[in-house]
Every structure is written in structure tokens, then in C-alpha cells.
C-alpha atoms as a PDB file:
ATOM      1  CA  MET A   1      -8.413  -6.018  13.058  1.00  0.00           C
ATOM      2  CA  ASP A   2     -11.437  -4.546  14.734  1.00  0.00           C
ATOM      3  CA  PHE A   3     -14.431  -5.373  12.578  1.00  0.00           C
ATOM      4  CA  LYS A   4     -16.909  -3.337  14.647  1.00  0.00           C
ATOM      5  CA  ALA A   5     -14.763  -0.198  14.625  1.00  0.00           C
ATOM      6  CA  LYS A   6     -13.742  -0.912  10.994  1.00  0.00           C
ATOM      7  CA  THR A   7     -10.050  -0.426  11.696  1.00  0.00           C
ATOM      8  CA  ILE A   8      -6.717  -2.176  11.359  1.00  0.00           C
ATOM      9  CA  THR A   9      -4.124  -1.444  14.020  1.00  0.00           C
ATOM     10  CA  VAL A  10      -0.430  -1.821  13.275  1.00  0.00           C
ATOM     11  CA  ALA A  11       1.367  -2.857  16.462  1.00  0.00           C
ATOM     12  CA  GLN A  12       4.197  -5.056  15.151  1.00  0.00           C
ATOM     13  CA  ARG A  13       6.121  -5.910  12.015  1.00  0.00           C
ATOM     14  CA  ALA A  14       8.061  -8.863  10.695  1.00  0.00           C
ATOM     15  CA  ASP A  15      11.630  -8.462   9.474  1.00  0.00           C
ATOM     16  CA  LYS A  16      13.303 -10.202   6.525  1.00  0.00           C
ATOM     17  CA  TYR A  17      14.178 -13.130   8.800  1.00  0.00           C
ATOM     18  CA  CYS A  18      10.480 -13.611   9.716  1.00  0.00           C
ATOM     19  CA  HIS A  19      11.025 -12.369  13.272  1.00  0.00           C
ATOM     20  CA  LEU A  20       8.278 -10.290  14.839  1.00  0.00           C
ATOM     21  CA  GLY A  21       9.157  -7.021  16.501  1.00  0.00           C
ATOM     22  CA  PRO A  22       7.955  -3.481  17.058  1.00  0.00           C
ATOM     23  CA  PRO A  23       7.402  -1.052  14.179  1.00  0.00           C
ATOM     24  CA  LYS A  24      10.491   0.865  13.074  1.00  0.00           C
ATOM     25  CA  SER A  25       9.379   4.053  14.864  1.00  0.00           C
ATOM     26  CA  GLU A  26       6.725   5.311  17.249  1.00  0.00           C
ATOM     27  CA  ALA A  27       4.802   6.577  14.211  1.00  0.00           C
ATOM     28  CA  GLY A  28       4.671   2.980  12.996  1.00  0.00           C
ATOM     29  CA  TYR A  29       2.111   2.218  15.708  1.00  0.00           C
ATOM     30  CA  ARG A  30      -1.126   3.363  14.112  1.00  0.00           C
ATOM     31  CA  THR A  31      -4.775   2.607  13.487  1.00  0.00           C
ATOM     32  CA  ILE A  32      -6.155   2.874   9.979  1.00  0.00           C
ATOM     33  CA  PRO A  33      -9.864   3.010   9.119  1.00  0.00           C
ATOM     34  CA  ILE A  34     -11.150   0.558   6.511  1.00  0.00           C
ATOM     35  CA  GLY A  35     -14.291   0.408   4.415  1.00  0.00           C
ATOM     36  CA  ASP A  36     -17.192  -2.018   4.540  1.00  0.00           C
ATOM     37  CA  ALA A  37     -16.033  -4.026   1.500  1.00  0.00           C
ATOM     38  CA  LEU A  38     -12.642  -4.690   3.099  1.00  0.00           C
ATOM     39  CA  VAL A  39     -14.269  -5.593   6.411  1.00  0.00           C
ATOM     40  CA  THR A  40     -16.385  -8.176   4.574  1.00  0.00           C
ATOM     41  CA  GLU A  41     -13.357  -9.654   2.775  1.00  0.00           C
ATOM     42  CA  LEU A  42     -11.268  -9.758   5.942  1.00  0.00           C
ATOM     43  CA  LYS A  43     -14.077 -11.526   7.817  1.00  0.00           C
ATOM     44  CA  ARG A  44     -14.186 -14.156   5.068  1.00  0.00           C
ATOM     45  CA  TRP A  45     -10.409 -14.489   5.207  1.00  0.00           C
ATOM     46  CA  LYS A  46     -10.410 -14.834   9.005  1.00  0.00           C
ATOM     47  CA  LEU A  47     -12.699 -17.881   8.729  1.00  0.00           C
ATOM     48  CA  ARG A  48     -10.263 -19.770   6.494  1.00  0.00           C
ATOM     49  CA  CYS A  49      -6.995 -18.223   7.679  1.00  0.00           C
ATOM     50  CA  PRO A  50      -4.419 -20.613   9.187  1.00  0.00           C
ATOM     51  CA  ILE A  51      -4.302 -20.192  12.966  1.00  0.00           C
ATOM     52  CA  GLY A  52      -0.955 -19.870  14.693  1.00  0.00           C
ATOM     53  CA  ASP A  53       0.543 -18.865  18.020  1.00  0.00           C
ATOM     54  CA  PHE A  54       0.781 -15.173  17.082  1.00  0.00           C
ATOM     55  CA  ASP A  55      -2.787 -14.587  15.785  1.00  0.00           C
ATOM     56  CA  LEU A  56      -1.411 -13.021  12.587  1.00  0.00           C
ATOM     57  CA  VAL A  57      -3.704 -11.474   9.997  1.00  0.00           C
ATOM     58  CA  PHE A  58      -1.803 -12.899   7.013  1.00  0.00           C
ATOM     59  CA  PRO A  59       0.206 -15.908   8.194  1.00  0.00           C
ATOM     60  CA  ASN A  60       1.791 -18.614   6.084  1.00  0.00           C
ATOM     61  CA  ARG A  61       0.084 -22.005   5.736  1.00  0.00           C
ATOM     62  CA  ALA A  62       1.406 -23.118   9.125  1.00  0.00           C
ATOM     63  CA  GLY A  63       0.090 -19.999  10.883  1.00  0.00           C
ATOM     64  CA  ASN A  64       3.558 -18.475  11.235  1.00  0.00           C
ATOM     65  CA  VAL A  65       5.140 -15.302   9.844  1.00  0.00           C
ATOM     66  CA  GLN A  66       4.856 -15.077   6.070  1.00  0.00           C
ATOM     67  CA  ASP A  67       8.235 -14.931   4.299  1.00  0.00           C
ATOM     68  CA  TYR A  68       8.294 -11.753   2.215  1.00  0.00           C
ATOM     69  CA  GLY A  69      10.143 -13.310  -0.726  1.00  0.00           C
ATOM     70  CA  HIS A  70       7.776 -16.279  -0.820  1.00  0.00           C
ATOM     71  CA  LEU A  71       4.760 -13.967  -0.675  1.00  0.00           C
ATOM     72  CA  LEU A  72       6.053 -12.019  -3.657  1.00  0.00           C
ATOM     73  CA  ARG A  73       7.143 -14.980  -5.792  1.00  0.00           C
ATOM     74  CA  ARG A  74       4.282 -17.363  -4.979  1.00  0.00           C
ATOM     75  CA  GLN A  75       1.332 -15.007  -4.676  1.00  0.00           C
ATOM     76  CA  PHE A  76       1.729 -11.314  -5.450  1.00  0.00           C
ATOM     77  CA  PHE A  77       3.744 -11.553  -8.685  1.00  0.00           C
ATOM     78  CA  PRO A  78       1.655 -14.409 -10.181  1.00  0.00           C
ATOM     79  CA  LEU A  79      -1.525 -12.493  -9.299  1.00  0.00           C
ATOM     80  CA  GLN A  80      -0.297  -9.456 -11.231  1.00  0.00           C
ATOM     81  CA  ILE A  81       0.709 -11.557 -14.225  1.00  0.00           C
ATOM     82  CA  LYS A  82      -2.689 -13.287 -14.246  1.00  0.00           C
ATOM     83  CA  ALA A  83      -4.349  -9.839 -14.133  1.00  0.00           C
ATOM     84  CA  GLY A  84      -2.126  -8.535 -16.940  1.00  0.00           C
ATOM     85  CA  VAL A  85      -0.308  -6.059 -14.705  1.00  0.00           C
ATOM     86  CA  CYS A  86       3.069  -7.061 -16.088  1.00  0.00           C
ATOM     87  CA  ASP A  87       5.691  -6.387 -18.725  1.00  0.00           C
ATOM     88  CA  PRO A  88       7.609  -8.726 -21.031  1.00  0.00           C
ATOM     89  CA  VAL A  89      11.107  -9.687 -19.913  1.00  0.00           C
ATOM     90  CA  LEU A  90      13.545  -8.390 -22.523  1.00  0.00           C
ATOM     91  CA  VAL A  91      16.896  -9.874 -23.458  1.00  0.00           C
ATOM     92  CA  ASP A  92      18.970  -7.752 -25.838  1.00  0.00           C
ATOM     93  CA  GLY A  93      15.846  -5.726 -26.573  1.00  0.00           C
ATOM     94  CA  LYS A  94      13.770  -8.758 -27.547  1.00  0.00           C
ATOM     95  CA  PRO A  95      11.118 -10.594 -25.505  1.00  0.00           C
ATOM     96  CA  LYS A  96      12.423 -13.641 -23.682  1.00  0.00           C
ATOM     97  CA  LEU A  97      10.363 -16.717 -24.572  1.00  0.00           C
ATOM     98  CA  ASP A  98       9.379 -19.645 -22.369  1.00  0.00           C
ATOM     99  CA  ALA A  99       9.474 -23.334 -23.380  1.00  0.00           C
ATOM    100  CA  LYS A 100       6.133 -22.921 -25.205  1.00  0.00           C
ATOM    101  CA  GLY A 101       7.391 -19.924 -27.183  1.00  0.00           C
ATOM    102  CA  GLN A 102       5.333 -17.438 -25.157  1.00  0.00           C
ATOM    103  CA  PRO A 103       6.828 -14.178 -23.847  1.00  0.00           C
ATOM    104  CA  VAL A 104       8.003 -14.415 -20.245  1.00  0.00           C
ATOM    105  CA  GLN A 105       6.223 -11.798 -18.141  1.00  0.00           C
ATOM    106  CA  ALA A 106       7.441  -9.937 -15.067  1.00  0.00           C
ATOM    107  CA  ALA A 107       5.146  -8.407 -12.473  1.00  0.00           C
ATOM    108  CA  ARG A 108       5.175  -4.640 -12.525  1.00  0.00           C
ATOM    109  CA  TYR A 109       4.949  -3.810  -8.802  1.00  0.00           C
ATOM    110  CA  GLY A 110       6.254  -4.780  -5.386  1.00  0.00           C
ATOM    111  CA  LEU A 111       4.123  -4.808  -2.248  1.00  0.00           C
ATOM    112  CA  HIS A 112       5.361  -1.358  -1.206  1.00  0.00           C
ATOM    113  CA  SER A 113       3.631   0.025  -4.305  1.00  0.00           C
ATOM    114  CA  LEU A 114       0.287  -0.741  -2.651  1.00  0.00           C
ATOM    115  CA  ARG A 115       1.189   1.703   0.111  1.00  0.00           C
ATOM    116  CA  HIS A 116       1.978   4.398  -2.449  1.00  0.00           C
ATOM    117  CA  ALA A 117      -1.219   3.654  -4.365  1.00  0.00           C
ATOM    118  CA  ALA A 118      -3.266   4.036  -1.186  1.00  0.00           C
ATOM    119  CA  ALA A 119      -1.545   7.303  -0.262  1.00  0.00           C
ATOM    120  CA  SER A 120      -2.014   8.635  -3.790  1.00  0.00           C
ATOM    121  CA  ALA A 121      -5.710   7.720  -3.760  1.00  0.00           C
ATOM    122  CA  TRP A 122      -6.193   9.406  -0.406  1.00  0.00           C
ATOM    123  CA  ILE A 123      -4.505  12.561  -1.696  1.00  0.00           C
ATOM    124  CA  LYS A 124      -6.772  12.543  -4.748  1.00  0.00           C
ATOM    125  CA  GLN A 125      -9.722  12.323  -2.341  1.00  0.00           C
ATOM    126  CA  ARG A 126      -8.289  15.398  -0.589  1.00  0.00           C
ATOM    127  CA  ILE A 127      -7.452  13.781   2.726  1.00  0.00           C
ATOM    128  CA  ASP A 128      -5.703  16.206   5.059  1.00  0.00           C
ATOM    129  CA  LEU A 129      -1.936  15.691   5.190  1.00  0.00           C
ATOM    130  CA  LYS A 130      -1.714  15.157   8.950  1.00  0.00           C
ATOM    131  CA  ARG A 131      -4.163  12.266   8.707  1.00  0.00           C
ATOM    132  CA  LEU A 132      -2.201  10.844   5.755  1.00  0.00           C
ATOM    133  CA  GLN A 133       1.017  11.075   7.784  1.00  0.00           C
ATOM    134  CA  VAL A 134      -0.565   9.075  10.611  1.00  0.00           C
ATOM    135  CA  TRP A 135      -2.150   6.431   8.377  1.00  0.00           C
ATOM    136  CA  ILE A 136       1.063   5.933   6.406  1.00  0.00           C
ATOM    137  CA  GLY A 137       3.127   5.839   9.597  1.00  0.00           C
ATOM    138  CA  HIS A 138       5.588   8.606   8.757  1.00  0.00           C
ATOM    139  CA  GLU A 139       7.557   9.994  11.676  1.00  0.00           C
ATOM    140  CA  ASN A 140       7.060  13.598  10.520  1.00  0.00           C
ATOM    141  CA  ILE A 141       4.998  15.627   8.064  1.00  0.00           C
ATOM    142  CA  GLU A 142       8.125  16.627   6.118  1.00  0.00           C
ATOM    143  CA  LEU A 143       8.638  13.019   5.016  1.00  0.00           C
ATOM    144  CA  THR A 144       5.014  12.832   3.881  1.00  0.00           C
ATOM    145  CA  LEU A 145       5.331  16.081   1.920  1.00  0.00           C
ATOM    146  CA  ASP A 146       8.694  15.107   0.414  1.00  0.00           C
ATOM    147  CA  THR A 147       7.258  11.764  -0.706  1.00  0.00           C
ATOM    148  CA  TYR A 148       3.802  12.803  -1.897  1.00  0.00           C
ATOM    149  CA  GLY A 149       3.921  16.588  -2.266  1.00  0.00           C
ATOM    150  CA  HIS A 150       4.164  16.395  -6.053  1.00  0.00           C
ATOM    151  CA  LEU A 151       0.661  14.876  -6.086  1.00  0.00           C
ATOM    152  CA  ILE A 152      -0.864  17.824  -4.277  1.00  0.00           C
ATOM    153  CA  MET A 153      -1.726  20.042  -7.213  1.00  0.00           C
ATOM    154  CA  ASP A 154      -4.919  21.985  -7.593  1.00  0.00           C
ATOM    155  CA  ALA A 155      -4.982  24.136 -10.719  1.00  0.00           C
ATOM    156  CA  GLU A 156      -8.594  25.238 -10.142  1.00  0.00           C
ATOM    157  CA  GLY A 157      -7.864  26.100  -6.519  1.00  0.00           C
ATOM    158  CA  ASP A 158      -4.723  27.990  -7.550  1.00  0.00           C
ATOM    159  CA  ALA A 159      -6.682  29.978 -10.128  1.00  0.00           C
ATOM    160  CA  ALA A 160      -9.341  30.852  -7.549  1.00  0.00           C
ATOM    161  CA  LEU A 161      -6.692  32.018  -5.064  1.00  0.00           C
ATOM    162  CA  ILE A 162      -4.978  34.193  -7.685  1.00  0.00           C
ATOM    163  CA  ALA A 163      -8.320  35.665  -8.810  1.00  0.00           C
ATOM    164  CA  ALA A 164      -9.257  36.475  -5.209  1.00  0.00           C
ATOM    165  CA  ALA A 165      -5.848  38.044  -4.519  1.00  0.00           C
ATOM    166  CA  GLN A 166      -6.094  40.089  -7.724  1.00  0.00           C
ATOM    167  CA  ALA A 167      -9.610  41.290  -6.881  1.00  0.00           C
ATOM    168  CA  GLU A 168      -8.465  42.342  -3.420  1.00  0.00           C
ATOM    169  CA  LEU A 169      -5.387  44.149  -4.751  1.00  0.00           C
ATOM    170  CA  LEU A 170      -7.386  46.028  -7.386  1.00  0.00           C
ATOM    171  CA  ALA A 171     -10.285  46.915  -5.086  1.00  0.00           C
END
């Protein structure tokens, strides 16, 4: 994290065994700009963050690599359920009940969904696709278009293009 430049640089990743290594591809090495609100939150986090040998941004309590499964089950899923971003667990079409007779809830999203939400928001803000490719860490623009191309619709822009083409043809 570079608070002055307001960026996060991805230079490594952790695998499912909690081993650190390089990103999966050269495109995985990237720097992503962040806004002032996130800078403020990350500064607060850095002050209380466990310190470890690897100077990780989001370590576990001992300062080591965070286990993905633990992160999901202990933090991300409960956070969604608390926020109401969840669905009832169904058994034979009926809600499963806990010991208190309340419906058991399941979180709606995995962590990877945050990546898709960010990319979708950037597309809605009309970010150029090459920049999106770099920020997402895709190896090529085709992957970015195949993944997010369906979100790039502009009915008003299409209508303006057709009207301009028509005017030119009929002139």
C-alpha cells in the first residue's frame, strides 16, 4: 500500500496452502488506484493490524498468511449474514431451522464476487477497457471482454451512432 500515491500494488499471492508466491501471470503484477475513503480505512487498519515477518496487508492474528477458508467462514460469510446479504438454507424446499427455530442463513457471495463487483462498477463509470484489464490483472483484453463484455451496453450511444450514420447516408 502506498498511502501518498493512493495505490495498492499486487506483487504476490497466497495459495490454498497459505504459501506466498508470485501472481499467476505477469499481468497479475499490477498497481491499482484507491480513493481517499479507502486510504483512511487502510491507515486505521494498519495501526491495529497484526505484524508478521511478511508485512502482509491482511494477515491472520499471528501476522501470517490468512487461510482462505477461515477468512470466509469466520469473517466474510458472517458479515454478509449480519448485513442481510444472505438466503435461507432450504431442505426439501423448506427453510432449515436452527436450534432456536430460526431459519438458517447462507451468505450469498464469495470473495471473488468483490472483484466482479468492482469491475462492474468501473464499467458503469465508463472506465476504458485497457485500464480495466490492467487493474483486474487479466493477461489479455479478450479475457476482459469475454468476462465483462455483456455489461458494456449503451442504448443511447447506439441510437446516436445510428442516427449519425443515417444522416450521413441520406445527406
